[in-house]
Amino acid sequence: VVWALSVATIISATNGLWDIFWGFAQNELIAVLPPNLLLLPLFARWLIGPVRRRGLYWREFH
């Protein structure tokens, strides 16, 4: 349940960031896109880290 709530929180936060991102992107896509691409690996590491520490792996969710 906690995992599902955290996922829902992450998704809603990501949607908010995505709306902000598109607001900028419509005007300055080239200026905004590279910094966001650089943040993706950090976000992925932050998201995957706790999952690995708990011993939960992708195959268990299928």
PDB file of N, CA and C in Angstrom:
ATOM      1  N   VAL A   1       0.846  -1.201   0.000  1.00  0.00           N
ATOM      2  CA  VAL A   1       0.000   0.000   0.000  1.00  0.00           C
ATOM      3  C   VAL A   1       0.879   1.249   0.000  1.00  0.00           C
ATOM      4  N   VAL A   2       1.909   1.247   0.846  1.00  0.00           N
ATOM      5  CA  VAL A   2       2.819   2.397   0.908  1.00  0.00           C
ATOM      6  C   VAL A   2       3.488   2.601  -0.446  1.00  0.00           C
ATOM      7  N   TRP A   3       3.898   1.477  -1.063  1.00  0.00           N
ATOM      8  CA  TRP A   3       4.565   1.572  -2.370  1.00  0.00           C
ATOM      9  C   TRP A   3       3.619   2.181  -3.394  1.00  0.00           C
ATOM     10  N   ALA A   4       2.365   1.737  -3.380  1.00  0.00           N
ATOM     11  CA  ALA A   4       1.390   2.257  -4.348  1.00  0.00           C
ATOM     12  C   ALA A   4       1.136   3.749  -4.104  1.00  0.00           C
ATOM     13  N   LEU A   5       1.068   4.161  -2.855  1.00  0.00           N
ATOM     14  CA  LEU A   5       0.845   5.576  -2.552  1.00  0.00           C
ATOM     15  C   LEU A   5       2.026   6.413  -3.011  1.00  0.00           C
ATOM     16  N   SER A   6       3.254   5.907  -2.788  1.00  0.00           N
ATOM     17  CA  SER A   6       4.420   6.663  -3.219  1.00  0.00           C
ATOM     18  C   SER A   6       4.456   6.767  -4.739  1.00  0.00           C
ATOM     19  N   VAL A   7       4.067   5.699  -5.431  1.00  0.00           N
ATOM     20  CA  VAL A   7       4.010   5.736  -6.891  1.00  0.00           C
ATOM     21  C   VAL A   7       2.987   6.763  -7.356  1.00  0.00           C
ATOM     22  N   ALA A   8       1.826   6.770  -6.710  1.00  0.00           N
ATOM     23  CA  ALA A   8       0.793   7.747  -7.077  1.00  0.00           C
ATOM     24  C   ALA A   8       1.293   9.169  -6.848  1.00  0.00           C
ATOM     25  N   THR A   9       2.008   9.380  -5.751  1.00  0.00           N
ATOM     26  CA  THR A   9       2.562  10.707  -5.468  1.00  0.00           C
ATOM     27  C   THR A   9       3.568  11.094  -6.526  1.00  0.00           C
ATOM     28  N   ILE A  10       4.449  10.150  -6.892  1.00  0.00           N
ATOM     29  CA  ILE A  10       5.463  10.416  -7.908  1.00  0.00           C
ATOM     30  C   ILE A  10       4.801  10.740  -9.243  1.00  0.00           C
ATOM     31  N   ILE A  11       3.770   9.972  -9.595  1.00  0.00           N
ATOM     32  CA  ILE A  11       3.091  10.189 -10.881  1.00  0.00           C
ATOM     33  C   ILE A  11       2.439  11.559 -10.903  1.00  0.00           C
ATOM     34  N   SER A  12       1.763  11.931  -9.826  1.00  0.00           N
ATOM     35  CA  SER A  12       1.092  13.235  -9.807  1.00  0.00           C
ATOM     36  C   SER A  12       2.115  14.361  -9.845  1.00  0.00           C
ATOM     37  N   ALA A  13       3.224  14.194  -9.110  1.00  0.00           N
ATOM     38  CA  ALA A  13       4.279  15.210  -9.131  1.00  0.00           C
ATOM     39  C   ALA A  13       4.894  15.303 -10.525  1.00  0.00           C
ATOM     40  N   THR A  14       5.105  14.145 -11.152  1.00  0.00           N
ATOM     41  CA  THR A  14       5.679  14.131 -12.491  1.00  0.00           C
ATOM     42  C   THR A  14       4.736  14.800 -13.483  1.00  0.00           C
ATOM     43  N   ASN A  15       3.434  14.572 -13.336  1.00  0.00           N
ATOM     44  CA  ASN A  15       2.467  15.223 -14.230  1.00  0.00           C
ATOM     45  C   ASN A  15       2.524  16.735 -14.073  1.00  0.00           C
ATOM     46  N   GLY A  16       2.650  17.218 -12.840  1.00  0.00           N
ATOM     47  CA  GLY A  16       2.766  18.648 -12.617  1.00  0.00           C
ATOM     48  C   GLY A  16       4.021  19.206 -13.264  1.00  0.00           C
ATOM     49  N   LEU A  17       5.147  18.488 -13.087  1.00  0.00           N
ATOM     50  CA  LEU A  17       6.398  18.924 -13.708  1.00  0.00           C
ATOM     51  C   LEU A  17       6.278  18.879 -15.221  1.00  0.00           C
ATOM     52  N   TRP A  18       5.582  17.855 -15.720  1.00  0.00           N
ATOM     53  CA  TRP A  18       5.427  17.712 -17.172  1.00  0.00           C
ATOM     54  C   TRP A  18       4.636  18.885 -17.745  1.00  0.00           C
ATOM     55  N   ASP A  19       3.578  19.323 -17.034  1.00  0.00           N
ATOM     56  CA  ASP A  19       2.802  20.489 -17.487  1.00  0.00           C
ATOM     57  C   ASP A  19       3.685  21.732 -17.537  1.00  0.00           C
ATOM     58  N   ILE A  20       4.503  21.925 -16.485  1.00  0.00           N
ATOM     59  CA  ILE A  20       5.424  23.068 -16.459  1.00  0.00           C
ATOM     60  C   ILE A  20       6.416  22.948 -17.608  1.00  0.00           C
ATOM     61  N   PHE A  21       6.942  21.751 -17.779  1.00  0.00           N
ATOM     62  CA  PHE A  21       7.918  21.511 -18.839  1.00  0.00           C
ATOM     63  C   PHE A  21       7.339  21.862 -20.198  1.00  0.00           C
ATOM     64  N   TRP A  22       6.109  21.418 -20.476  1.00  0.00           N
ATOM     65  CA  TRP A  22       5.493  21.691 -21.780  1.00  0.00           C
ATOM     66  C   TRP A  22       5.181  23.166 -21.947  1.00  0.00           C
ATOM     67  N   GLY A  23       4.862  23.850 -20.828  1.00  0.00           N
ATOM     68  CA  GLY A  23       4.640  25.284 -20.911  1.00  0.00           C
ATOM     69  C   GLY A  23       5.872  26.001 -21.437  1.00  0.00           C
ATOM     70  N   PHE A  24       7.057  25.571 -20.949  1.00  0.00           N
ATOM     71  CA  PHE A  24       8.308  26.138 -21.446  1.00  0.00           C
ATOM     72  C   PHE A  24       8.639  25.596 -22.826  1.00  0.00           C
ATOM     73  N   ALA A  25       8.415  24.300 -23.002  1.00  0.00           N
ATOM     74  CA  ALA A  25       8.877  23.634 -24.222  1.00  0.00           C
ATOM     75  C   ALA A  25       8.218  24.206 -25.475  1.00  0.00           C
ATOM     76  N   GLN A  26       6.964  24.623 -25.331  1.00  0.00           N
ATOM     77  CA  GLN A  26       6.280  25.183 -26.492  1.00  0.00           C
ATOM     78  C   GLN A  26       7.013  26.415 -27.012  1.00  0.00           C
ATOM     79  N   ASN A  27       7.696  27.137 -26.127  1.00  0.00           N
ATOM     80  CA  ASN A  27       8.401  28.350 -26.526  1.00  0.00           C
ATOM     81  C   ASN A  27       9.897  28.099 -26.748  1.00  0.00           C
ATOM     82  N   GLU A  28      10.517  27.372 -25.835  1.00  0.00           N
ATOM     83  CA  GLU A  28      11.969  27.190 -25.907  1.00  0.00           C
ATOM     84  C   GLU A  28      12.330  25.729 -25.685  1.00  0.00           C
ATOM     85  N   LEU A  29      11.952  24.874 -26.603  1.00  0.00           N
ATOM     86  CA  LEU A  29      12.201  23.444 -26.446  1.00  0.00           C
ATOM     87  C   LEU A  29      13.688  23.154 -26.340  1.00  0.00           C
ATOM     88  N   ILE A  30      14.473  23.761 -27.193  1.00  0.00           N
ATOM     89  CA  ILE A  30      15.908  23.465 -27.223  1.00  0.00           C
ATOM     90  C   ILE A  30      16.586  23.940 -25.942  1.00  0.00           C
ATOM     91  N   ALA A  31      16.114  25.058 -25.384  1.00  0.00           N
ATOM     92  CA  ALA A  31      16.733  25.590 -24.176  1.00  0.00           C
ATOM     93  C   ALA A  31      16.389  24.759 -22.946  1.00  0.00           C
ATOM     94  N   VAL A  32      15.190  24.163 -22.934  1.00  0.00           N
ATOM     95  CA  VAL A  32      14.711  23.470 -21.736  1.00  0.00           C
ATOM     96  C   VAL A  32      15.046  21.984 -21.757  1.00  0.00           C
ATOM     97  N   LEU A  33      15.103  21.406 -22.949  1.00  0.00           N
ATOM     98  CA  LEU A  33      15.217  19.954 -23.043  1.00  0.00           C
ATOM     99  C   LEU A  33      16.529  19.390 -22.477  1.00  0.00           C
ATOM    100  N   PRO A  34      17.711  19.923 -22.807  1.00  0.00           N
ATOM    101  CA  PRO A  34      18.949  19.317 -22.312  1.00  0.00           C
ATOM    102  C   PRO A  34      19.028  19.204 -20.786  1.00  0.00           C
ATOM    103  N   PRO A  35      18.681  20.246 -20.015  1.00  0.00           N
ATOM    104  CA  PRO A  35      18.730  20.088 -18.551  1.00  0.00           C
ATOM    105  C   PRO A  35      17.815  18.974 -18.041  1.00  0.00           C
ATOM    106  N   ASN A  36      16.628  18.850 -18.655  1.00  0.00           N
ATOM    107  CA  ASN A  36      15.715  17.794 -18.229  1.00  0.00           C
ATOM    108  C   ASN A  36      16.275  16.410 -18.552  1.00  0.00           C
ATOM    109  N   LEU A  37      16.924  16.283 -19.696  1.00  0.00           N
ATOM    110  CA  LEU A  37      17.527  14.997 -20.045  1.00  0.00           C
ATOM    111  C   LEU A  37      18.637  14.644 -19.075  1.00  0.00           C
ATOM    112  N   LEU A  38      19.362  15.655 -18.592  1.00  0.00           N
ATOM    113  CA  LEU A  38      20.428  15.390 -17.628  1.00  0.00           C
ATOM    114  C   LEU A  38      19.851  14.955 -16.283  1.00  0.00           C
ATOM    115  N   LEU A  39      18.633  15.415 -15.966  1.00  0.00           N
ATOM    116  CA  LEU A  39      18.024  15.052 -14.689  1.00  0.00           C
ATOM    117  C   LEU A  39      17.402  13.663 -14.712  1.00  0.00           C
ATOM    118  N   LEU A  40      17.113  13.126 -15.902  1.00  0.00           N
ATOM    119  CA  LEU A  40      16.438  11.830 -15.973  1.00  0.00           C
ATOM    120  C   LEU A  40      17.217  10.708 -15.282  1.00  0.00           C
ATOM    121  N   PRO A  41      18.551  10.572 -15.513  1.00  0.00           N
ATOM    122  CA  PRO A  41      19.276   9.487 -14.815  1.00  0.00           C
ATOM    123  C   PRO A  41      19.232   9.648 -13.299  1.00  0.00           C
ATOM    124  N   LEU A  42      19.308  10.887 -12.812  1.00  0.00           N
ATOM    125  CA  LEU A  42      19.245  11.105 -11.375  1.00  0.00           C
ATOM    126  C   LEU A  42      17.878  10.695 -10.833  1.00  0.00           C
ATOM    127  N   PHE A  43      16.817  11.065 -11.567  1.00  0.00           N
ATOM    128  CA  PHE A  43      15.470  10.689 -11.148  1.00  0.00           C
ATOM    129  C   PHE A  43      15.312   9.173 -11.156  1.00  0.00           C
ATOM    130  N   ALA A  44      15.853   8.522 -12.208  1.00  0.00           N
ATOM    131  CA  ALA A  44      15.750   7.066 -12.305  1.00  0.00           C
ATOM    132  C   ALA A  44      16.490   6.404 -11.141  1.00  0.00           C
ATOM    133  N   ARG A  45      17.674   6.923 -10.804  1.00  0.00           N
ATOM    134  CA  ARG A  45      18.446   6.343  -9.696  1.00  0.00           C
ATOM    135  C   ARG A  45      17.702   6.527  -8.387  1.00  0.00           C
ATOM    136  N   TRP A  46      17.088   7.710  -8.195  1.00  0.00           N
ATOM    137  CA  TRP A  46      16.347   7.974  -6.970  1.00  0.00           C
ATOM    138  C   TRP A  46      15.127   7.066  -6.876  1.00  0.00           C
ATOM    139  N   LEU A  47      14.518   6.774  -8.028  1.00  0.00           N
ATOM    140  CA  LEU A  47      13.322   5.943  -8.036  1.00  0.00           C
ATOM    141  C   LEU A  47      13.663   4.475  -7.845  1.00  0.00           C
ATOM    142  N   ILE A  48      14.757   4.011  -8.476  1.00  0.00           N
ATOM    143  CA  ILE A  48      15.097   2.589  -8.456  1.00  0.00           C
ATOM    144  C   ILE A  48      15.812   2.203  -7.161  1.00  0.00           C
ATOM    145  N   GLY A  49      16.553   3.148  -6.562  1.00  0.00           N
ATOM    146  CA  GLY A  49      17.336   2.847  -5.366  1.00  0.00           C
ATOM    147  C   GLY A  49      16.546   2.169  -4.256  1.00  0.00           C
ATOM    148  N   PRO A  50      15.456   2.795  -3.757  1.00  0.00           N
ATOM    149  CA  PRO A  50      14.686   2.169  -2.675  1.00  0.00           C
ATOM    150  C   PRO A  50      14.093   0.825  -3.068  1.00  0.00           C
ATOM    151  N   VAL A  51      13.720   0.673  -4.335  1.00  0.00           N
ATOM    152  CA  VAL A  51      13.135  -0.587  -4.784  1.00  0.00           C
ATOM    153  C   VAL A  51      14.168  -1.694  -4.686  1.00  0.00           C
ATOM    154  N   ARG A  52      15.401  -1.422  -5.116  1.00  0.00           N
ATOM    155  CA  ARG A  52      16.444  -2.437  -5.031  1.00  0.00           C
ATOM    156  C   ARG A  52      16.770  -2.759  -3.583  1.00  0.00           C
ATOM    157  N   ARG A  53      16.794  -1.731  -2.720  1.00  0.00           N
ATOM    158  CA  ARG A  53      17.152  -1.976  -1.318  1.00  0.00           C
ATOM    159  C   ARG A  53      16.130  -2.867  -0.635  1.00  0.00           C
ATOM    160  N   ARG A  54      14.889  -2.784  -1.048  1.00  0.00           N
ATOM    161  CA  ARG A  54      13.852  -3.624  -0.440  1.00  0.00           C
ATOM    162  C   ARG A  54      13.810  -5.007  -1.063  1.00  0.00           C
ATOM    163  N   GLY A  55      14.642  -5.253  -2.061  1.00  0.00           N
ATOM    164  CA  GLY A  55      14.663  -6.562  -2.693  1.00  0.00           C
ATOM    165  C   GLY A  55      13.506  -6.784  -3.647  1.00  0.00           C
ATOM    166  N   LEU A  56      12.861  -5.683  -4.069  1.00  0.00           N
ATOM    167  CA  LEU A  56      11.764  -5.806  -5.025  1.00  0.00           C
ATOM    168  C   LEU A  56      12.318  -5.567  -6.424  1.00  0.00           C
ATOM    169  N   TYR A  57      12.070  -6.493  -7.304  1.00  0.00           N
ATOM    170  CA  TYR A  57      12.580  -6.355  -8.658  1.00  0.00           C
ATOM    171  C   TYR A  57      11.428  -6.354  -9.645  1.00  0.00           C
ATOM    172  N   TRP A  58      11.716  -5.879 -10.854  1.00  0.00           N
ATOM    173  CA  TRP A  58      10.681  -5.669 -11.873  1.00  0.00           C
ATOM    174  C   TRP A  58       9.866  -6.928 -12.119  1.00  0.00           C
ATOM    175  N   ARG A  59      10.538  -8.114 -12.134  1.00  0.00           N
ATOM    176  CA  ARG A  59       9.821  -9.341 -12.483  1.00  0.00           C
ATOM    177  C   ARG A  59       8.725  -9.672 -11.461  1.00  0.00           C
ATOM    178  N   GLU A  60       8.839  -9.159 -10.253  1.00  0.00           N
ATOM    179  CA  GLU A  60       7.825  -9.476  -9.234  1.00  0.00           C
ATOM    180  C   GLU A  60       6.518  -8.717  -9.459  1.00  0.00           C
ATOM    181  N   PHE A  61       6.550  -7.697 -10.327  1.00  0.00           N
ATOM    182  CA  PHE A  61       5.340  -6.910 -10.553  1.00  0.00           C
ATOM    183  C   PHE A  61       4.595  -7.355 -11.800  1.00  0.00           C
ATOM    184  N   HIS A  62       5.040  -8.461 -12.385  1.00  0.00           N
ATOM    185  CA  HIS A  62       4.373  -8.948 -13.606  1.00  0.00           C
ATOM    186  C   HIS A  62       3.765 -10.325 -13.355  1.00  0.00           C
TER     187      HIS A  62
END
